[in-house]
Amino acid sequence: MTNRWRGGRTIALISVVGVLLTGCSFFNSSRDIDPCSLVTDSELSAYGDYGEPERRDRGNQRICTWYNSTTQPLRTTVTPQLNIYVNHKQRYYTAGQNDVETGYAAGRRYKVRTTDSTCTVTMPVFKNTVGSKKKKGTVDIAVTMPDPKDNCPTARKIAEIVSPRLH
């Protein structure tokens, strides 16, 4: 066995150990992500009494929705809810004209879009997608609260929880 062969095996072994230790995989995909596993019940309890999540697939999206049952009767017709969408085929782009702000959640870039009733934070599934055509996927965190002023602060806080759990 030549030193060149042993050197190649050593590099391969170090690469495999590095992948195992960091939790990375050469085959990671946005399809590996279950949106319902990105936040725990105890993390959601800080924002009210959320029930079991509803899971569904729609085209290239996996969606998880939590409804909050703590709305005071007659105060509002809006039921607080959290939706997390994993969009498998979508690439993350910098802010567009409908985005109101950009920022970082746990080191991951995000952009924010708002409507009258919802605030949505969008992040890439992969922190580093430069030079990779296969690393596609975004996560949308859409929050609707009885007081619309709470939507974006809550969505940004949920993004801080979700971001470290992505690739």
N, C-alpha and C. Protein backbone atom coordinates (compact mmCIF):
# COMPACT_ATOMS: atom_id res chain seq x y z
N MET A 1 0.86 -1.17 0.00
CA MET A 1 0.00 0.00 0.00
C MET A 1 0.90 1.23 0.00
N THR A 2 0.64 2.15 -0.89
CA THR A 2 1.47 3.35 -0.98
C THR A 2 0.98 4.40 -0.01
N ASN A 3 1.87 5.37 0.25
CA ASN A 3 1.49 6.48 1.13
C ASN A 3 0.37 7.30 0.51
N ARG A 4 0.35 7.40 -0.81
CA ARG A 4 -0.71 8.16 -1.48
C ARG A 4 -2.07 7.52 -1.20
N TRP A 5 -2.17 6.20 -1.26
CA TRP A 5 -3.43 5.48 -1.00
C TRP A 5 -3.87 5.69 0.45
N ARG A 6 -2.91 5.58 1.40
CA ARG A 6 -3.26 5.78 2.81
C ARG A 6 -3.70 7.22 3.05
N GLY A 7 -3.04 8.16 2.40
CA GLY A 7 -3.42 9.56 2.55
C GLY A 7 -4.83 9.80 2.07
N GLY A 8 -5.22 9.19 0.95
CA GLY A 8 -6.58 9.32 0.43
C GLY A 8 -7.61 8.74 1.37
N ARG A 9 -7.29 7.58 1.93
CA ARG A 9 -8.21 6.96 2.90
C ARG A 9 -8.34 7.82 4.15
N THR A 10 -7.24 8.40 4.59
CA THR A 10 -7.28 9.25 5.78
C THR A 10 -8.15 10.47 5.54
N ILE A 11 -8.01 11.11 4.39
CA ILE A 11 -8.84 12.27 4.07
C ILE A 11 -10.31 11.87 4.01
N ALA A 12 -10.61 10.73 3.38
CA ALA A 12 -12.00 10.27 3.31
C ALA A 12 -12.56 10.00 4.69
N LEU A 13 -11.76 9.37 5.55
CA LEU A 13 -12.22 9.07 6.90
C LEU A 13 -12.46 10.36 7.69
N ILE A 14 -11.56 11.33 7.58
CA ILE A 14 -11.73 12.60 8.28
C ILE A 14 -12.99 13.31 7.78
N SER A 15 -13.25 13.25 6.48
CA SER A 15 -14.45 13.87 5.92
C SER A 15 -15.71 13.24 6.48
N VAL A 16 -15.75 11.92 6.53
CA VAL A 16 -16.93 11.22 7.06
C VAL A 16 -17.14 11.56 8.53
N VAL A 17 -16.07 11.55 9.31
CA VAL A 17 -16.18 11.88 10.74
C VAL A 17 -16.67 13.32 10.90
N GLY A 18 -16.15 14.24 10.09
CA GLY A 18 -16.59 15.64 10.16
C GLY A 18 -18.06 15.79 9.86
N VAL A 19 -18.53 15.07 8.85
CA VAL A 19 -19.95 15.11 8.50
C VAL A 19 -20.79 14.57 9.63
N LEU A 20 -20.37 13.47 10.23
CA LEU A 20 -21.14 12.88 11.33
C LEU A 20 -21.15 13.79 12.56
N LEU A 21 -20.03 14.41 12.87
CA LEU A 21 -19.96 15.27 14.04
C LEU A 21 -20.76 16.55 13.89
N THR A 22 -20.81 17.10 12.69
CA THR A 22 -21.53 18.35 12.50
C THR A 22 -23.00 18.14 12.21
N GLY A 23 -23.39 16.91 11.96
CA GLY A 23 -24.80 16.63 11.65
C GLY A 23 -25.15 16.95 10.22
N CYS A 24 -24.15 17.27 9.41
CA CYS A 24 -24.41 17.59 8.01
C CYS A 24 -24.47 16.32 7.18
N SER A 25 -25.05 16.45 6.04
CA SER A 25 -25.11 15.34 5.11
C SER A 25 -24.96 15.88 3.71
N PHE A 26 -24.35 15.10 2.84
CA PHE A 26 -24.24 15.51 1.46
C PHE A 26 -25.59 15.44 0.76
N PHE A 27 -26.57 14.80 1.37
CA PHE A 27 -27.85 14.58 0.73
C PHE A 27 -28.99 15.34 1.39
N ASN A 28 -28.69 16.29 2.27
CA ASN A 28 -29.74 17.06 2.92
C ASN A 28 -30.58 17.80 1.90
N SER A 29 -31.85 17.84 2.16
CA SER A 29 -32.79 18.49 1.26
C SER A 29 -33.86 19.16 2.10
N SER A 30 -34.52 20.14 1.52
CA SER A 30 -35.61 20.78 2.25
C SER A 30 -36.75 19.80 2.47
N ARG A 31 -36.81 18.73 1.70
CA ARG A 31 -37.85 17.71 1.89
C ARG A 31 -37.68 16.94 3.19
N ASP A 32 -36.48 17.01 3.79
CA ASP A 32 -36.21 16.33 5.06
C ASP A 32 -36.86 17.04 6.24
N ILE A 33 -37.35 18.26 6.03
CA ILE A 33 -37.82 19.09 7.13
C ILE A 33 -39.32 18.92 7.35
N ASP A 34 -39.68 18.58 8.57
CA ASP A 34 -41.08 18.51 8.98
C ASP A 34 -41.41 19.84 9.66
N PRO A 35 -42.26 20.67 9.05
CA PRO A 35 -42.53 21.98 9.65
C PRO A 35 -43.13 21.90 11.05
N CYS A 36 -43.81 20.81 11.36
CA CYS A 36 -44.41 20.67 12.70
C CYS A 36 -43.36 20.38 13.77
N SER A 37 -42.17 20.00 13.37
CA SER A 37 -41.12 19.71 14.36
C SER A 37 -40.20 20.90 14.61
N LEU A 38 -40.47 22.03 13.95
CA LEU A 38 -39.57 23.17 14.08
C LEU A 38 -39.80 24.00 15.35
N VAL A 39 -40.95 23.84 15.99
CA VAL A 39 -41.20 24.47 17.29
C VAL A 39 -41.85 23.43 18.20
N THR A 40 -41.57 23.52 19.49
CA THR A 40 -42.13 22.57 20.44
C THR A 40 -43.36 23.17 21.11
N ASP A 41 -44.13 22.31 21.75
CA ASP A 41 -45.30 22.78 22.51
C ASP A 41 -44.90 23.78 23.59
N SER A 42 -43.82 23.50 24.29
CA SER A 42 -43.41 24.40 25.36
C SER A 42 -42.95 25.76 24.80
N GLU A 43 -42.32 25.78 23.63
CA GLU A 43 -41.93 27.04 23.02
C GLU A 43 -43.16 27.85 22.61
N LEU A 44 -44.17 27.17 22.08
CA LEU A 44 -45.40 27.86 21.67
C LEU A 44 -46.22 28.34 22.86
N SER A 45 -46.09 27.68 24.00
CA SER A 45 -46.89 28.05 25.16
C SER A 45 -46.60 29.48 25.62
N ALA A 46 -45.45 30.03 25.26
CA ALA A 46 -45.14 31.42 25.61
C ALA A 46 -46.06 32.40 24.88
N TYR A 47 -46.73 31.95 23.83
CA TYR A 47 -47.59 32.82 23.02
C TYR A 47 -49.07 32.49 23.17
N GLY A 48 -49.41 31.57 24.06
CA GLY A 48 -50.81 31.23 24.29
C GLY A 48 -51.01 29.73 24.29
N ASP A 49 -52.27 29.34 24.26
CA ASP A 49 -52.66 27.93 24.34
C ASP A 49 -52.91 27.40 22.93
N TYR A 50 -51.88 26.84 22.33
CA TYR A 50 -52.00 26.28 20.98
C TYR A 50 -52.28 24.80 21.08
N GLY A 51 -53.18 24.33 20.24
CA GLY A 51 -53.51 22.92 20.23
C GLY A 51 -52.54 22.13 19.36
N GLU A 52 -52.95 20.93 19.03
CA GLU A 52 -52.15 20.07 18.17
C GLU A 52 -52.06 20.69 16.78
N PRO A 53 -50.92 20.57 16.14
CA PRO A 53 -50.78 21.15 14.81
C PRO A 53 -51.54 20.34 13.75
N GLU A 54 -51.98 21.04 12.72
CA GLU A 54 -52.60 20.40 11.56
C GLU A 54 -51.57 20.35 10.46
N ARG A 55 -51.32 19.15 9.92
CA ARG A 55 -50.34 18.96 8.85
C ARG A 55 -51.05 18.80 7.52
N ARG A 56 -50.45 19.38 6.47
CA ARG A 56 -50.97 19.14 5.13
C ARG A 56 -49.88 19.44 4.10
N ASP A 57 -50.03 18.85 2.96
CA ASP A 57 -49.15 19.10 1.82
C ASP A 57 -49.96 19.80 0.75
N ARG A 58 -49.30 20.75 0.08
CA ARG A 58 -49.96 21.46 -1.02
C ARG A 58 -48.89 21.71 -2.09
N GLY A 59 -48.95 20.95 -3.17
CA GLY A 59 -47.95 21.09 -4.22
C GLY A 59 -46.56 20.80 -3.68
N ASN A 60 -45.66 21.76 -3.79
CA ASN A 60 -44.29 21.62 -3.31
C ASN A 60 -44.12 22.19 -1.90
N GLN A 61 -45.20 22.28 -1.15
CA GLN A 61 -45.14 22.81 0.21
C GLN A 61 -45.59 21.77 1.21
N ARG A 62 -44.93 21.78 2.36
CA ARG A 62 -45.42 21.08 3.54
C ARG A 62 -45.82 22.16 4.52
N ILE A 63 -47.01 22.04 5.08
CA ILE A 63 -47.56 23.11 5.90
C ILE A 63 -47.96 22.56 7.27
N CYS A 64 -47.71 23.35 8.29
CA CYS A 64 -48.14 23.01 9.63
C CYS A 64 -48.82 24.25 10.22
N THR A 65 -50.02 24.07 10.76
CA THR A 65 -50.80 25.18 11.32
C THR A 65 -51.17 24.87 12.76
N TRP A 66 -50.96 25.86 13.62
CA TRP A 66 -51.40 25.80 15.02
C TRP A 66 -52.42 26.89 15.24
N TYR A 67 -53.54 26.55 15.89
CA TYR A 67 -54.55 27.54 16.25
C TYR A 67 -54.49 27.77 17.74
N ASN A 68 -54.68 29.02 18.14
CA ASN A 68 -54.62 29.41 19.54
C ASN A 68 -56.04 29.58 20.05
N SER A 69 -56.32 28.99 21.19
CA SER A 69 -57.69 29.04 21.73
C SER A 69 -57.84 30.06 22.85
N THR A 70 -56.88 30.97 23.03
CA THR A 70 -56.95 31.89 24.16
C THR A 70 -57.55 33.25 23.81
N THR A 71 -58.10 33.41 22.63
CA THR A 71 -58.70 34.69 22.25
C THR A 71 -59.91 34.96 23.15
N GLN A 72 -59.98 36.18 23.67
CA GLN A 72 -61.12 36.53 24.50
C GLN A 72 -62.37 36.65 23.64
N PRO A 73 -63.50 36.07 24.07
CA PRO A 73 -64.72 36.15 23.28
C PRO A 73 -65.15 37.59 23.03
N LEU A 74 -65.65 37.85 21.86
CA LEU A 74 -66.18 39.14 21.44
C LEU A 74 -65.12 40.23 21.30
N ARG A 75 -63.89 39.96 21.65
CA ARG A 75 -62.84 40.97 21.51
C ARG A 75 -62.41 41.10 20.05
N THR A 76 -62.39 39.98 19.36
CA THR A 76 -61.93 39.97 17.98
C THR A 76 -62.50 38.77 17.25
N THR A 77 -62.54 38.86 15.97
CA THR A 77 -62.96 37.70 15.18
C THR A 77 -61.74 36.94 14.65
N VAL A 78 -60.54 37.44 14.94
CA VAL A 78 -59.32 36.79 14.47
C VAL A 78 -58.89 35.73 15.47
N THR A 79 -58.74 34.52 15.02
CA THR A 79 -58.19 33.46 15.85
C THR A 79 -56.69 33.47 15.66
N PRO A 80 -55.91 33.66 16.73
CA PRO A 80 -54.46 33.65 16.57
C PRO A 80 -54.01 32.33 15.98
N GLN A 81 -53.09 32.40 15.04
CA GLN A 81 -52.57 31.18 14.47
C GLN A 81 -51.14 31.37 13.99
N LEU A 82 -50.46 30.25 13.91
CA LEU A 82 -49.10 30.20 13.39
C LEU A 82 -49.09 29.18 12.28
N ASN A 83 -48.56 29.56 11.13
CA ASN A 83 -48.37 28.65 10.00
C ASN A 83 -46.90 28.60 9.67
N ILE A 84 -46.36 27.40 9.51
CA ILE A 84 -45.00 27.24 9.03
C ILE A 84 -45.07 26.45 7.73
N TYR A 85 -44.55 27.04 6.68
CA TYR A 85 -44.53 26.42 5.35
C TYR A 85 -43.08 26.08 5.00
N VAL A 86 -42.84 24.89 4.49
CA VAL A 86 -41.55 24.55 3.90
C VAL A 86 -41.80 24.43 2.41
N ASN A 87 -41.17 25.32 1.65
CA ASN A 87 -41.33 25.37 0.20
C ASN A 87 -40.11 24.69 -0.43
N HIS A 88 -40.30 23.49 -0.98
CA HIS A 88 -39.17 22.67 -1.43
C HIS A 88 -38.46 23.20 -2.67
N LYS A 89 -39.17 23.77 -3.60
CA LYS A 89 -38.55 24.14 -4.87
C LYS A 89 -38.25 25.63 -4.99
N GLN A 90 -38.51 26.38 -3.96
CA GLN A 90 -38.33 27.82 -4.02
C GLN A 90 -36.92 28.21 -3.57
N ARG A 91 -36.32 29.14 -4.28
CA ARG A 91 -35.02 29.69 -3.88
C ARG A 91 -35.26 30.96 -3.07
N TYR A 92 -34.34 31.22 -2.16
CA TYR A 92 -34.43 32.44 -1.36
C TYR A 92 -33.78 33.58 -2.14
N TYR A 93 -34.50 34.66 -2.27
CA TYR A 93 -33.98 35.85 -2.94
C TYR A 93 -33.97 37.00 -1.94
N THR A 94 -33.15 37.98 -2.21
CA THR A 94 -33.14 39.15 -1.35
C THR A 94 -34.49 39.85 -1.44
N ALA A 95 -34.68 40.80 -0.59
CA ALA A 95 -35.98 41.45 -0.44
C ALA A 95 -36.53 42.01 -1.75
N GLY A 96 -37.83 41.85 -1.92
CA GLY A 96 -38.53 42.39 -3.07
C GLY A 96 -39.32 43.63 -2.67
N GLN A 97 -40.10 44.15 -3.58
CA GLN A 97 -40.80 45.40 -3.31
C GLN A 97 -41.90 45.26 -2.27
N ASN A 98 -42.44 44.05 -2.04
CA ASN A 98 -43.48 43.86 -1.03
C ASN A 98 -42.92 43.55 0.35
N ASP A 99 -41.61 43.40 0.45
CA ASP A 99 -40.98 43.09 1.73
C ASP A 99 -40.71 44.39 2.48
N VAL A 100 -41.05 44.40 3.77
CA VAL A 100 -40.91 45.63 4.54
C VAL A 100 -39.58 45.74 5.26
N GLU A 101 -38.91 44.63 5.48
CA GLU A 101 -37.63 44.69 6.18
C GLU A 101 -36.86 43.40 5.94
N THR A 102 -35.58 43.45 6.24
CA THR A 102 -34.75 42.26 6.24
C THR A 102 -34.00 42.24 7.55
N GLY A 103 -33.48 41.09 7.91
CA GLY A 103 -32.73 40.98 9.15
C GLY A 103 -32.11 39.60 9.25
N TYR A 104 -31.69 39.27 10.46
CA TYR A 104 -31.08 37.97 10.72
C TYR A 104 -31.74 37.33 11.94
N ALA A 105 -31.98 36.03 11.84
CA ALA A 105 -32.48 35.23 12.96
C ALA A 105 -31.46 34.14 13.21
N ALA A 106 -30.80 34.19 14.34
CA ALA A 106 -29.77 33.21 14.69
C ALA A 106 -28.76 33.06 13.54
N GLY A 107 -28.35 34.18 12.95
CA GLY A 107 -27.35 34.18 11.90
C GLY A 107 -27.86 33.87 10.50
N ARG A 108 -29.14 33.65 10.34
CA ARG A 108 -29.72 33.32 9.03
C ARG A 108 -30.52 34.53 8.53
N ARG A 109 -30.25 34.92 7.31
CA ARG A 109 -30.93 36.08 6.72
C ARG A 109 -32.43 35.79 6.57
N TYR A 110 -33.25 36.81 6.78
CA TYR A 110 -34.69 36.68 6.53
C TYR A 110 -35.23 37.96 5.92
N LYS A 111 -36.44 37.85 5.38
CA LYS A 111 -37.18 39.02 4.91
C LYS A 111 -38.59 38.93 5.45
N VAL A 112 -39.24 40.08 5.56
CA VAL A 112 -40.57 40.16 6.18
C VAL A 112 -41.55 40.76 5.19
N ARG A 113 -42.73 40.13 5.07
CA ARG A 113 -43.84 40.67 4.29
C ARG A 113 -45.04 40.78 5.22
N THR A 114 -45.84 41.82 5.02
CA THR A 114 -47.03 41.99 5.85
C THR A 114 -48.26 42.20 4.98
N THR A 115 -49.39 41.80 5.55
CA THR A 115 -50.71 42.15 5.01
C THR A 115 -51.45 42.79 6.16
N ASP A 116 -52.73 43.09 5.97
CA ASP A 116 -53.51 43.69 7.05
C ASP A 116 -53.60 42.78 8.27
N SER A 117 -53.58 41.46 8.05
CA SER A 117 -53.82 40.55 9.16
C SER A 117 -52.66 39.61 9.47
N THR A 118 -51.62 39.55 8.63
CA THR A 118 -50.57 38.56 8.81
C THR A 118 -49.20 39.16 8.58
N CYS A 119 -48.22 38.63 9.31
CA CYS A 119 -46.82 38.96 9.08
C CYS A 119 -46.10 37.66 8.76
N THR A 120 -45.33 37.65 7.67
CA THR A 120 -44.63 36.45 7.25
C THR A 120 -43.14 36.71 7.18
N VAL A 121 -42.37 35.88 7.89
CA VAL A 121 -40.92 35.91 7.84
C VAL A 121 -40.49 34.74 6.95
N THR A 122 -39.67 35.03 5.95
CA THR A 122 -39.18 34.01 5.03
C THR A 122 -37.67 33.88 5.17
N MET A 123 -37.20 32.62 5.33
CA MET A 123 -35.77 32.33 5.47
C MET A 123 -35.39 31.21 4.51
N PRO A 124 -34.12 31.16 4.10
CA PRO A 124 -33.67 30.02 3.31
C PRO A 124 -33.50 28.80 4.21
N VAL A 125 -33.76 27.62 3.67
CA VAL A 125 -33.53 26.38 4.44
C VAL A 125 -32.05 26.21 4.70
N PHE A 126 -31.23 26.52 3.71
CA PHE A 126 -29.78 26.37 3.83
C PHE A 126 -29.14 27.74 4.03
N LYS A 127 -28.25 27.85 5.01
CA LYS A 127 -27.56 29.12 5.25
C LYS A 127 -26.68 29.50 4.07
N ASN A 128 -25.99 28.52 3.50
CA ASN A 128 -25.06 28.81 2.42
C ASN A 128 -25.51 28.07 1.16
N THR A 129 -26.02 28.80 0.21
CA THR A 129 -26.47 28.19 -1.04
C THR A 129 -25.61 28.61 -2.23
N VAL A 130 -24.55 29.33 -1.98
CA VAL A 130 -23.70 29.82 -3.06
C VAL A 130 -23.08 28.64 -3.80
N GLY A 131 -23.23 28.63 -5.12
CA GLY A 131 -22.63 27.59 -5.95
C GLY A 131 -23.37 26.27 -5.94
N SER A 132 -24.53 26.19 -5.33
CA SER A 132 -25.26 24.94 -5.30
C SER A 132 -26.64 25.12 -5.92
N LYS A 133 -26.90 24.36 -6.96
CA LYS A 133 -28.22 24.40 -7.58
C LYS A 133 -29.21 23.51 -6.85
N LYS A 134 -28.71 22.58 -6.05
CA LYS A 134 -29.59 21.63 -5.39
C LYS A 134 -30.10 22.12 -4.03
N LYS A 135 -29.46 23.11 -3.46
CA LYS A 135 -29.86 23.59 -2.13
C LYS A 135 -30.97 24.61 -2.27
N LYS A 136 -32.16 24.11 -2.53
CA LYS A 136 -33.33 24.97 -2.66
C LYS A 136 -34.21 24.79 -1.43
N GLY A 137 -35.06 25.75 -1.22
CA GLY A 137 -36.04 25.64 -0.17
C GLY A 137 -36.08 26.87 0.71
N THR A 138 -37.30 27.26 1.07
CA THR A 138 -37.49 28.35 2.01
C THR A 138 -38.46 27.90 3.09
N VAL A 139 -38.42 28.60 4.20
CA VAL A 139 -39.36 28.40 5.29
C VAL A 139 -40.08 29.73 5.50
N ASP A 140 -41.41 29.69 5.46
CA ASP A 140 -42.23 30.86 5.75
C ASP A 140 -42.87 30.66 7.12
N ILE A 141 -42.76 31.67 7.96
CA ILE A 141 -43.40 31.66 9.28
C ILE A 141 -44.44 32.77 9.24
N ALA A 142 -45.71 32.40 9.17
CA ALA A 142 -46.80 33.37 9.06
C ALA A 142 -47.57 33.41 10.38
N VAL A 143 -47.70 34.61 10.93
CA VAL A 143 -48.34 34.79 12.24
C VAL A 143 -49.52 35.74 12.09
N THR A 144 -50.65 35.34 12.67
CA THR A 144 -51.84 36.18 12.75
C THR A 144 -52.25 36.26 14.22
N MET A 145 -52.28 37.47 14.76
CA MET A 145 -52.66 37.68 16.15
C MET A 145 -53.85 38.63 16.20
N PRO A 146 -54.60 38.66 17.32
CA PRO A 146 -55.75 39.57 17.43
C PRO A 146 -55.36 41.03 17.23
N ASP A 147 -54.20 41.42 17.77
CA ASP A 147 -53.71 42.78 17.56
C ASP A 147 -52.60 42.71 16.52
N PRO A 148 -52.83 43.24 15.32
CA PRO A 148 -51.84 43.13 14.24
C PRO A 148 -50.45 43.66 14.61
N LYS A 149 -50.36 44.54 15.60
CA LYS A 149 -49.05 45.04 16.03
C LYS A 149 -48.18 43.92 16.59
N ASP A 150 -48.80 42.82 17.04
CA ASP A 150 -48.06 41.69 17.61
C ASP A 150 -47.56 40.71 16.55
N ASN A 151 -48.07 40.82 15.33
CA ASN A 151 -47.74 39.82 14.30
C ASN A 151 -46.25 39.72 14.01
N CYS A 152 -45.62 40.83 13.62
CA CYS A 152 -44.21 40.77 13.22
C CYS A 152 -43.25 40.50 14.39
N PRO A 153 -43.45 41.11 15.56
CA PRO A 153 -42.56 40.74 16.66
C PRO A 153 -42.64 39.25 17.00
N THR A 154 -43.85 38.69 16.95
CA THR A 154 -44.01 37.26 17.23
C THR A 154 -43.38 36.41 16.14
N ALA A 155 -43.58 36.79 14.88
CA ALA A 155 -42.99 36.03 13.76
C ALA A 155 -41.46 36.05 13.84
N ARG A 156 -40.87 37.19 14.20
CA ARG A 156 -39.41 37.26 14.34
C ARG A 156 -38.92 36.40 15.50
N LYS A 157 -39.66 36.35 16.59
CA LYS A 157 -39.27 35.50 17.73
C LYS A 157 -39.35 34.01 17.34
N ILE A 158 -40.39 33.63 16.62
CA ILE A 158 -40.50 32.24 16.16
C ILE A 158 -39.35 31.93 15.19
N ALA A 159 -38.97 32.89 14.34
CA ALA A 159 -37.84 32.69 13.41
C ALA A 159 -36.55 32.42 14.18
N GLU A 160 -36.35 33.08 15.32
CA GLU A 160 -35.16 32.83 16.14
C GLU A 160 -35.14 31.39 16.67
N ILE A 161 -36.32 30.84 16.94
CA ILE A 161 -36.43 29.46 17.41
C ILE A 161 -36.17 28.49 16.24
N VAL A 162 -36.74 28.77 15.09
CA VAL A 162 -36.70 27.87 13.94
C VAL A 162 -35.33 27.84 13.27
N SER A 163 -34.70 28.98 13.12
CA SER A 163 -33.47 29.09 12.33
C SER A 163 -32.38 28.06 12.67
N PRO A 164 -32.04 27.85 13.93
CA PRO A 164 -30.98 26.89 14.23
C PRO A 164 -31.35 25.44 13.90
N ARG A 165 -32.61 25.16 13.66
CA ARG A 165 -33.04 23.79 13.35
C ARG A 165 -33.03 23.49 11.86
N LEU A 166 -32.66 24.46 11.06
CA LEU A 166 -32.58 24.26 9.62
C LEU A 166 -31.17 23.83 9.23
N HIS A 167 -30.96 23.52 7.97
CA HIS A 167 -29.65 23.05 7.50
C HIS A 167 -28.64 24.18 7.45
